[in-house]
All heavy atoms as atom14 arrays in JSON, in Angstrom:
{
  "sequence": "FSNDELNFRAIIIDKSQLNHKAFNQDHNTFYDKMYYQLL",
  "atom14_mask": [
    [1, 1, 1, 1, 1, 1, 1, 1, 1, 1, 1, 0, 0, 0],
    [1, 1, 1, 1, 1, 1, 0, 0, 0, 0, 0, 0, 0, 0],
    [1, 1, 1, 1, 1, 1, 1, 1, 0, 0, 0, 0, 0, 0],
    [1, 1, 1, 1, 1, 1, 1, 1, 0, 0, 0, 0, 0, 0],
    [1, 1, 1, 1, 1, 1, 1, 1, 1, 0, 0, 0, 0, 0],
    [1, 1, 1, 1, 1, 1, 1, 1, 0, 0, 0, 0, 0, 0],
    [1, 1, 1, 1, 1, 1, 1, 1, 0, 0, 0, 0, 0, 0],
    [1, 1, 1, 1, 1, 1, 1, 1, 1, 1, 1, 0, 0, 0],
    [1, 1, 1, 1, 1, 1, 1, 1, 1, 1, 1, 0, 0, 0],
    [1, 1, 1, 1, 1, 0, 0, 0, 0, 0, 0, 0, 0, 0],
    [1, 1, 1, 1, 1, 1, 1, 1, 0, 0, 0, 0, 0, 0],
    [1, 1, 1, 1, 1, 1, 1, 1, 0, 0, 0, 0, 0, 0],
    [1, 1, 1, 1, 1, 1, 1, 1, 0, 0, 0, 0, 0, 0],
    [1, 1, 1, 1, 1, 1, 1, 1, 0, 0, 0, 0, 0, 0],
    [1, 1, 1, 1, 1, 1, 1, 1, 1, 0, 0, 0, 0, 0],
    [1, 1, 1, 1, 1, 1, 0, 0, 0, 0, 0, 0, 0, 0],
    [1, 1, 1, 1, 1, 1, 1, 1, 1, 0, 0, 0, 0, 0],
    [1, 1, 1, 1, 1, 1, 1, 1, 0, 0, 0, 0, 0, 0],
    [1, 1, 1, 1, 1, 1, 1, 1, 0, 0, 0, 0, 0, 0],
    [1, 1, 1, 1, 1, 1, 1, 1, 1, 1, 0, 0, 0, 0],
    [1, 1, 1, 1, 1, 1, 1, 1, 1, 0, 0, 0, 0, 0],
    [1, 1, 1, 1, 1, 0, 0, 0, 0, 0, 0, 0, 0, 0],
    [1, 1, 1, 1, 1, 1, 1, 1, 1, 1, 1, 0, 0, 0],
    [1, 1, 1, 1, 1, 1, 1, 1, 0, 0, 0, 0, 0, 0],
    [1, 1, 1, 1, 1, 1, 1, 1, 1, 0, 0, 0, 0, 0],
    [1, 1, 1, 1, 1, 1, 1, 1, 0, 0, 0, 0, 0, 0],
    [1, 1, 1, 1, 1, 1, 1, 1, 1, 1, 0, 0, 0, 0],
    [1, 1, 1, 1, 1, 1, 1, 1, 0, 0, 0, 0, 0, 0],
    [1, 1, 1, 1, 1, 1, 1, 0, 0, 0, 0, 0, 0, 0],
    [1, 1, 1, 1, 1, 1, 1, 1, 1, 1, 1, 0, 0, 0],
    [1, 1, 1, 1, 1, 1, 1, 1, 1, 1, 1, 1, 0, 0],
    [1, 1, 1, 1, 1, 1, 1, 1, 0, 0, 0, 0, 0, 0],
    [1, 1, 1, 1, 1, 1, 1, 1, 1, 0, 0, 0, 0, 0],
    [1, 1, 1, 1, 1, 1, 1, 1, 0, 0, 0, 0, 0, 0],
    [1, 1, 1, 1, 1, 1, 1, 1, 1, 1, 1, 1, 0, 0],
    [1, 1, 1, 1, 1, 1, 1, 1, 1, 1, 1, 1, 0, 0],
    [1, 1, 1, 1, 1, 1, 1, 1, 1, 0, 0, 0, 0, 0],
    [1, 1, 1, 1, 1, 1, 1, 1, 0, 0, 0, 0, 0, 0],
    [1, 1, 1, 1, 1, 1, 1, 1, 0, 0, 0, 0, 0, 0]
  ],
  "atom14_positions": [
    [[12.95, -11.47, -15.57], [14.14, -10.96, -15.15], [15.17, -10.67, -16.38], [16.08, -9.82, -16.26], [14.85, -11.87, -14.17], [14.46, -11.74, -12.73], [13.48, -12.58, -12.31], [14.81, -10.73, -12.03], [12.87, -12.49, -10.94], [14.37, -10.61, -10.62], [13.4, -11.47, -10.19], [0.0, 0.0, 0.0], [0.0, 0.0, 0.0], [0.0, 0.0, 0.0]],
    [[14.92, -11.17, -17.41], [15.83, -10.88, -18.61], [15.44, -9.72, -19.42], [16.12, -9.27, -20.35], [15.83, -12.09, -19.58], [14.46, -12.33, -20.12], [0.0, 0.0, 0.0], [0.0, 0.0, 0.0], [0.0, 0.0, 0.0], [0.0, 0.0, 0.0], [0.0, 0.0, 0.0], [0.0, 0.0, 0.0], [0.0, 0.0, 0.0], [0.0, 0.0, 0.0]],
    [[14.24, -9.1, -19.05], [13.72, -7.86, -19.88], [14.02, -6.59, -18.93], [13.23, -6.41, -17.93], [12.36, -8.09, -20.12], [12.15, -8.92, -21.34], [12.18, -8.44, -22.47], [12.05, -10.25, -21.14], [0.0, 0.0, 0.0], [0.0, 0.0, 0.0], [0.0, 0.0, 0.0], [0.0, 0.0, 0.0], [0.0, 0.0, 0.0], [0.0, 0.0, 0.0]],
    [[14.87, -5.85, -19.29], [15.34, -4.53, -18.42], [14.17, -3.74, -18.24], [14.1, -3.04, -17.28], [16.4, -3.87, -19.12], [17.69, -4.63, -18.98], [17.84, -5.49, -18.14], [18.64, -4.41, -19.9], [0.0, 0.0, 0.0], [0.0, 0.0, 0.0], [0.0, 0.0, 0.0], [0.0, 0.0, 0.0], [0.0, 0.0, 0.0], [0.0, 0.0, 0.0]],
    [[13.2, -3.58, -19.17], [12.21, -2.48, -19.01], [10.87, -3.16, -18.71], [9.74, -2.6, -19.01], [12.02, -1.74, -20.33], [13.19, -0.79, -20.48], [12.89, 0.33, -21.59], [12.49, 1.32, -21.1], [13.23, 0.13, -22.72], [0.0, 0.0, 0.0], [0.0, 0.0, 0.0], [0.0, 0.0, 0.0], [0.0, 0.0, 0.0], [0.0, 0.0, 0.0]],
    [[10.85, -4.27, -18.02], [9.74, -4.91, -17.43], [9.98, -4.96, -15.9], [10.83, -5.83, -15.48], [9.65, -6.33, -17.85], [8.29, -7.09, -17.78], [7.07, -6.3, -18.49], [8.31, -8.52, -18.53], [0.0, 0.0, 0.0], [0.0, 0.0, 0.0], [0.0, 0.0, 0.0], [0.0, 0.0, 0.0], [0.0, 0.0, 0.0], [0.0, 0.0, 0.0]],
    [[9.32, -4.03, -15.23], [9.68, -3.78, -13.82], [8.43, -4.21, -12.85], [7.28, -3.99, -13.25], [10.01, -2.39, -13.62], [11.4, -2.04, -14.26], [12.21, -2.92, -14.44], [11.33, -0.83, -14.93], [0.0, 0.0, 0.0], [0.0, 0.0, 0.0], [0.0, 0.0, 0.0], [0.0, 0.0, 0.0], [0.0, 0.0, 0.0], [0.0, 0.0, 0.0]],
    [[8.78, -4.55, -11.63], [7.75, -4.9, -10.61], [7.99, -4.11, -9.45], [9.2, -3.89, -8.93], [7.94, -6.37, -10.33], [7.05, -6.94, -9.19], [5.68, -7.15, -9.44], [7.59, -7.09, -7.95], [4.96, -7.7, -8.42], [6.89, -7.58, -6.88], [5.39, -7.93, -7.15], [0.0, 0.0, 0.0], [0.0, 0.0, 0.0], [0.0, 0.0, 0.0]],
    [[6.88, -3.68, -8.68], [7.02, -3.1, -7.44], [5.89, -3.55, -6.52], [4.71, -3.72, -6.95], [6.97, -1.59, -7.59], [7.22, -0.86, -6.18], [7.29, 0.71, -6.35], [7.9, 1.21, -5.11], [7.25, 2.01, -4.23], [5.97, 2.28, -4.51], [7.78, 2.46, -3.13], [0.0, 0.0, 0.0], [0.0, 0.0, 0.0], [0.0, 0.0, 0.0]],
    [[6.16, -3.76, -5.23], [5.14, -4.01, -4.38], [5.25, -3.42, -3.04], [6.33, -3.07, -2.53], [5.18, -5.59, -4.04], [0.0, 0.0, 0.0], [0.0, 0.0, 0.0], [0.0, 0.0, 0.0], [0.0, 0.0, 0.0], [0.0, 0.0, 0.0], [0.0, 0.0, 0.0], [0.0, 0.0, 0.0], [0.0, 0.0, 0.0], [0.0, 0.0, 0.0]],
    [[4.12, -3.05, -2.35], [4.11, -2.55, -1.04], [3.48, -3.72, -0.14], [2.44, -4.21, -0.39], [3.27, -1.26, -0.89], [4.04, -0.09, -1.45], [2.93, -0.94, 0.52], [3.29, 1.28, -1.32], [0.0, 0.0, 0.0], [0.0, 0.0, 0.0], [0.0, 0.0, 0.0], [0.0, 0.0, 0.0], [0.0, 0.0, 0.0], [0.0, 0.0, 0.0]],
    [[4.19, -3.91, 0.93], [3.75, -4.96, 1.9], [3.39, -4.28, 3.21], [4.24, -3.62, 3.81], [4.91, -6.05, 2.12], [5.21, -6.66, 0.77], [4.4, -7.04, 3.17], [6.45, -6.01, 0.07], [0.0, 0.0, 0.0], [0.0, 0.0, 0.0], [0.0, 0.0, 0.0], [0.0, 0.0, 0.0], [0.0, 0.0, 0.0], [0.0, 0.0, 0.0]],
    [[2.16, -4.68, 3.64], [1.61, -3.93, 4.91], [1.38, -5.15, 5.96], [0.66, -6.0, 5.7], [0.36, -3.1, 4.59], [0.6, -2.08, 3.66], [-0.15, -2.58, 5.9], [-0.09, -2.3, 2.26], [0.0, 0.0, 0.0], [0.0, 0.0, 0.0], [0.0, 0.0, 0.0], [0.0, 0.0, 0.0], [0.0, 0.0, 0.0], [0.0, 0.0, 0.0]],
    [[2.0, -5.02, 7.08], [1.6, -5.86, 8.13], [0.34, -5.5, 8.86], [0.34, -4.42, 9.44], [2.82, -5.77, 9.1], [2.73, -6.78, 10.32], [1.53, -7.21, 10.49], [3.66, -6.93, 11.05], [0.0, 0.0, 0.0], [0.0, 0.0, 0.0], [0.0, 0.0, 0.0], [0.0, 0.0, 0.0], [0.0, 0.0, 0.0], [0.0, 0.0, 0.0]],
    [[-0.71, -6.26, 8.7], [-2.07, -5.89, 9.14], [-2.11, -5.74, 10.66], [-3.05, -5.15, 11.22], [-2.99, -6.83, 8.66], [-3.23, -6.82, 7.19], [-4.42, -7.71, 6.89], [-4.62, -7.92, 5.28], [-5.56, -8.88, 5.07], [0.0, 0.0, 0.0], [0.0, 0.0, 0.0], [0.0, 0.0, 0.0], [0.0, 0.0, 0.0], [0.0, 0.0, 0.0]],
    [[-1.09, -6.32, 11.4], [-1.13, -6.09, 12.9], [-0.87, -4.68, 13.31], [-1.21, -4.26, 14.46], [-0.19, -7.2, 13.48], [1.18, -6.7, 13.28], [0.0, 0.0, 0.0], [0.0, 0.0, 0.0], [0.0, 0.0, 0.0], [0.0, 0.0, 0.0], [0.0, 0.0, 0.0], [0.0, 0.0, 0.0], [0.0, 0.0, 0.0], [0.0, 0.0, 0.0]],
    [[-0.25, -3.88, 12.38], [-0.08, -2.5, 12.56], [-1.16, -1.62, 12.21], [-1.08, -0.42, 12.58], [1.24, -2.15, 11.79], [2.38, -2.9, 12.18], [3.72, -2.28, 11.51], [3.54, -1.39, 10.7], [4.94, -2.77, 11.93], [0.0, 0.0, 0.0], [0.0, 0.0, 0.0], [0.0, 0.0, 0.0], [0.0, 0.0, 0.0], [0.0, 0.0, 0.0]],
    [[-2.26, -2.03, 11.56], [-3.34, -1.31, 11.24], [-4.08, -0.71, 12.45], [-4.47, -1.31, 13.43], [-4.47, -2.17, 10.47], [-3.96, -2.59, 9.15], [-5.04, -3.4, 8.5], [-3.59, -1.38, 8.16], [0.0, 0.0, 0.0], [0.0, 0.0, 0.0], [0.0, 0.0, 0.0], [0.0, 0.0, 0.0], [0.0, 0.0, 0.0], [0.0, 0.0, 0.0]],
    [[-4.3, 0.63, 12.38], [-4.97, 1.35, 13.46], [-5.61, 2.53, 12.84], [-5.35, 3.67, 13.01], [-4.09, 1.84, 14.62], [-4.58, 2.37, 15.79], [-5.96, 2.53, 15.75], [-3.91, 2.89, 16.73], [0.0, 0.0, 0.0], [0.0, 0.0, 0.0], [0.0, 0.0, 0.0], [0.0, 0.0, 0.0], [0.0, 0.0, 0.0], [0.0, 0.0, 0.0]],
    [[-6.78, 2.19, 12.12], [-7.46, 3.23, 11.34], [-8.06, 4.24, 12.26], [-8.13, 5.48, 11.81], [-8.59, 2.52, 10.37], [-8.02, 1.64, 9.42], [-6.82, 1.81, 8.82], [-8.53, 0.47, 8.93], [-6.62, 0.78, 8.0], [-7.66, -0.1, 8.03], [0.0, 0.0, 0.0], [0.0, 0.0, 0.0], [0.0, 0.0, 0.0], [0.0, 0.0, 0.0]],
    [[-8.43, 3.92, 13.35], [-9.19, 4.88, 14.25], [-8.24, 5.89, 14.67], [-8.61, 7.17, 14.72], [-9.7, 4.16, 15.56], [-10.38, 5.0, 16.48], [-10.98, 4.13, 17.61], [-11.82, 5.02, 18.57], [-12.39, 4.33, 19.81], [0.0, 0.0, 0.0], [0.0, 0.0, 0.0], [0.0, 0.0, 0.0], [0.0, 0.0, 0.0], [0.0, 0.0, 0.0]],
    [[-7.01, 5.66, 14.85], [-5.87, 6.66, 15.28], [-5.76, 7.68, 14.25], [-5.32, 8.78, 14.48], [-4.77, 5.95, 15.62], [0.0, 0.0, 0.0], [0.0, 0.0, 0.0], [0.0, 0.0, 0.0], [0.0, 0.0, 0.0], [0.0, 0.0, 0.0], [0.0, 0.0, 0.0], [0.0, 0.0, 0.0], [0.0, 0.0, 0.0], [0.0, 0.0, 0.0]],
    [[-5.88, 7.31, 12.9], [-5.78, 8.25, 11.83], [-7.12, 8.74, 11.16], [-7.07, 9.29, 10.15], [-4.96, 7.52, 10.78], [-3.52, 7.14, 11.12], [-3.15, 5.93, 11.69], [-2.46, 8.1, 10.96], [-1.91, 5.68, 12.12], [-1.17, 7.79, 11.43], [-0.89, 6.58, 12.01], [0.0, 0.0, 0.0], [0.0, 0.0, 0.0], [0.0, 0.0, 0.0]],
    [[-8.09, 8.5, 11.9], [-9.51, 8.92, 11.5], [-9.77, 8.46, 10.04], [-10.11, 9.42, 9.24], [-9.52, 10.5, 11.73], [-10.93, 11.01, 11.57], [-11.98, 10.32, 12.0], [-11.08, 12.19, 11.03], [0.0, 0.0, 0.0], [0.0, 0.0, 0.0], [0.0, 0.0, 0.0], [0.0, 0.0, 0.0], [0.0, 0.0, 0.0], [0.0, 0.0, 0.0]],
    [[-9.62, 7.31, 9.85], [-9.85, 6.77, 8.58], [-10.58, 5.35, 8.54], [-10.54, 4.71, 9.6], [-8.62, 6.63, 7.71], [-7.61, 5.61, 8.37], [-6.22, 5.64, 7.66], [-5.88, 6.49, 6.86], [-5.43, 4.56, 7.92], [0.0, 0.0, 0.0], [0.0, 0.0, 0.0], [0.0, 0.0, 0.0], [0.0, 0.0, 0.0], [0.0, 0.0, 0.0]],
    [[-11.21, 4.98, 7.34], [-11.72, 3.67, 7.38], [-10.68, 2.87, 6.38], [-9.72, 3.41, 5.95], [-13.11, 3.61, 6.72], [-13.16, 4.23, 5.42], [-12.22, 4.37, 4.65], [-14.46, 4.46, 5.01], [0.0, 0.0, 0.0], [0.0, 0.0, 0.0], [0.0, 0.0, 0.0], [0.0, 0.0, 0.0], [0.0, 0.0, 0.0], [0.0, 0.0, 0.0]],
    [[-10.99, 1.46, 6.2], [-10.0, 0.7, 5.49], [-10.01, 1.02, 3.95], [-8.84, 1.01, 3.33], [-10.4, -0.69, 5.5], [-9.21, -1.71, 5.09], [-8.05, -1.79, 5.79], [-9.22, -2.55, 4.06], [-7.28, -2.68, 5.05], [-7.98, -3.18, 4.11], [0.0, 0.0, 0.0], [0.0, 0.0, 0.0], [0.0, 0.0, 0.0], [0.0, 0.0, 0.0]],
    [[-11.13, 1.63, 3.47], [-11.13, 2.01, 2.03], [-10.21, 3.27, 1.82], [-9.56, 3.27, 0.9], [-12.53, 2.33, 1.67], [-13.43, 1.2, 1.41], [-12.96, 0.03, 1.25], [-14.76, 1.29, 1.75], [0.0, 0.0, 0.0], [0.0, 0.0, 0.0], [0.0, 0.0, 0.0], [0.0, 0.0, 0.0], [0.0, 0.0, 0.0], [0.0, 0.0, 0.0]],
    [[-10.21, 4.09, 2.75], [-9.38, 5.39, 2.62], [-7.93, 4.9, 2.71], [-7.01, 5.38, 2.01], [-9.64, 6.35, 3.8], [-11.11, 6.67, 3.68], [-8.8, 7.55, 3.61], [0.0, 0.0, 0.0], [0.0, 0.0, 0.0], [0.0, 0.0, 0.0], [0.0, 0.0, 0.0], [0.0, 0.0, 0.0], [0.0, 0.0, 0.0], [0.0, 0.0, 0.0]],
    [[-7.7, 4.1, 3.67], [-6.32, 3.58, 3.75], [-5.8, 2.84, 2.51], [-4.78, 2.95, 2.07], [-6.21, 2.53, 4.99], [-4.9, 1.79, 5.12], [-3.8, 2.55, 5.64], [-4.81, 0.55, 4.74], [-2.52, 1.82, 5.85], [-3.5, -0.09, 4.96], [-2.43, 0.54, 5.48], [0.0, 0.0, 0.0], [0.0, 0.0, 0.0], [0.0, 0.0, 0.0]],
    [[-6.74, 1.99, 1.92], [-6.57, 1.26, 0.72], [-5.95, 2.38, -0.35], [-5.05, 2.16, -1.17], [-7.69, 0.55, 0.32], [-7.71, -0.03, -1.05], [-7.27, -1.51, -1.19], [-8.1, 0.61, -2.25], [-7.35, -2.13, -2.46], [-8.14, 0.01, -3.44], [-7.82, -1.26, -3.69], [-7.79, -1.89, -4.83], [0.0, 0.0, 0.0], [0.0, 0.0, 0.0]],
    [[-6.75, 3.4, -0.52], [-6.4, 4.59, -1.45], [-5.03, 5.13, -1.19], [-4.28, 5.33, -2.13], [-7.49, 5.59, -1.47], [-8.79, 5.12, -2.04], [-8.85, 4.17, -2.79], [-9.87, 5.85, -1.84], [0.0, 0.0, 0.0], [0.0, 0.0, 0.0], [0.0, 0.0, 0.0], [0.0, 0.0, 0.0], [0.0, 0.0, 0.0], [0.0, 0.0, 0.0]],
    [[-4.68, 5.32, -0.01], [-3.53, 5.93, 0.37], [-2.23, 5.01, 0.13], [-1.26, 5.42, -0.43], [-3.48, 6.2, 1.9], [-4.32, 7.41, 2.45], [-4.19, 7.54, 3.86], [-5.06, 8.7, 4.26], [-5.03, 8.89, 5.84], [0.0, 0.0, 0.0], [0.0, 0.0, 0.0], [0.0, 0.0, 0.0], [0.0, 0.0, 0.0], [0.0, 0.0, 0.0]],
    [[-2.52, 3.64, 0.32], [-1.48, 2.64, -0.02], [-1.19, 2.56, -1.5], [-0.05, 2.53, -1.98], [-1.73, 1.37, 0.59], [-1.74, 1.31, 2.08], [-0.1, 1.77, 2.8], [-0.29, 3.55, 3.18], [0.0, 0.0, 0.0], [0.0, 0.0, 0.0], [0.0, 0.0, 0.0], [0.0, 0.0, 0.0], [0.0, 0.0, 0.0], [0.0, 0.0, 0.0]],
    [[-2.27, 2.58, -2.25], [-2.14, 2.52, -3.79], [-1.5, 3.8, -4.25], [-0.59, 3.74, -5.16], [-3.53, 2.45, -4.36], [-3.73, 1.22, -5.14], [-4.76, 0.28, -4.83], [-2.79, 0.75, -6.09], [-4.95, -0.97, -5.45], [-2.96, -0.55, -6.78], [-3.97, -1.38, -6.44], [-4.12, -2.56, -7.07], [0.0, 0.0, 0.0], [0.0, 0.0, 0.0]],
    [[-1.71, 4.96, -3.66], [-1.02, 6.23, -3.96], [0.42, 6.04, -3.61], [1.19, 6.4, -4.39], [-1.67, 7.36, -3.26], [-1.01, 8.7, -3.49], [-1.36, 9.37, -4.6], [0.09, 9.29, -2.76], [-0.83, 10.68, -4.89], [0.66, 10.34, -3.1], [0.19, 11.17, -4.19], [0.86, 12.25, -4.48], [0.0, 0.0, 0.0], [0.0, 0.0, 0.0]],
    [[0.75, 5.47, -2.6], [2.23, 5.21, -2.21], [2.82, 4.36, -3.23], [3.97, 4.45, -3.49], [2.37, 4.66, -0.67], [1.91, 5.67, 0.31], [2.86, 6.86, 0.32], [4.1, 6.77, 0.02], [2.51, 8.1, 0.5], [0.0, 0.0, 0.0], [0.0, 0.0, 0.0], [0.0, 0.0, 0.0], [0.0, 0.0, 0.0], [0.0, 0.0, 0.0]],
    [[2.08, 3.26, -3.57], [2.67, 2.31, -4.64], [3.08, 3.0, -5.91], [4.15, 2.67, -6.36], [1.57, 1.22, -4.8], [1.92, 0.3, -5.9], [2.99, -0.7, -5.44], [0.62, -0.57, -6.45], [0.0, 0.0, 0.0], [0.0, 0.0, 0.0], [0.0, 0.0, 0.0], [0.0, 0.0, 0.0], [0.0, 0.0, 0.0], [0.0, 0.0, 0.0]],
    [[2.31, 3.9, -6.36], [2.42, 4.4, -7.54], [3.23, 5.9, -7.61], [3.96, 6.27, -8.46], [1.12, 4.81, -8.28], [0.24, 3.53, -8.71], [-1.09, 3.86, -9.03], [0.86, 2.77, -9.8], [0.0, 0.0, 0.0], [0.0, 0.0, 0.0], [0.0, 0.0, 0.0], [0.0, 0.0, 0.0], [0.0, 0.0, 0.0], [0.0, 0.0, 0.0]]
  ]
}
C-alpha cells in the first residue's frame, strides 16, 4: 500500500450464477473470457 505504482486488481465470480449452457460455452471458454475482462 505504500508503493503507488504497485497495483492489484481482481474479478470475483459467484459460481452460483454460472450457466454455461445458456451462453453456448464450456468452463474453459468462460475462463478465457473472465481473464480477458480482468486485463
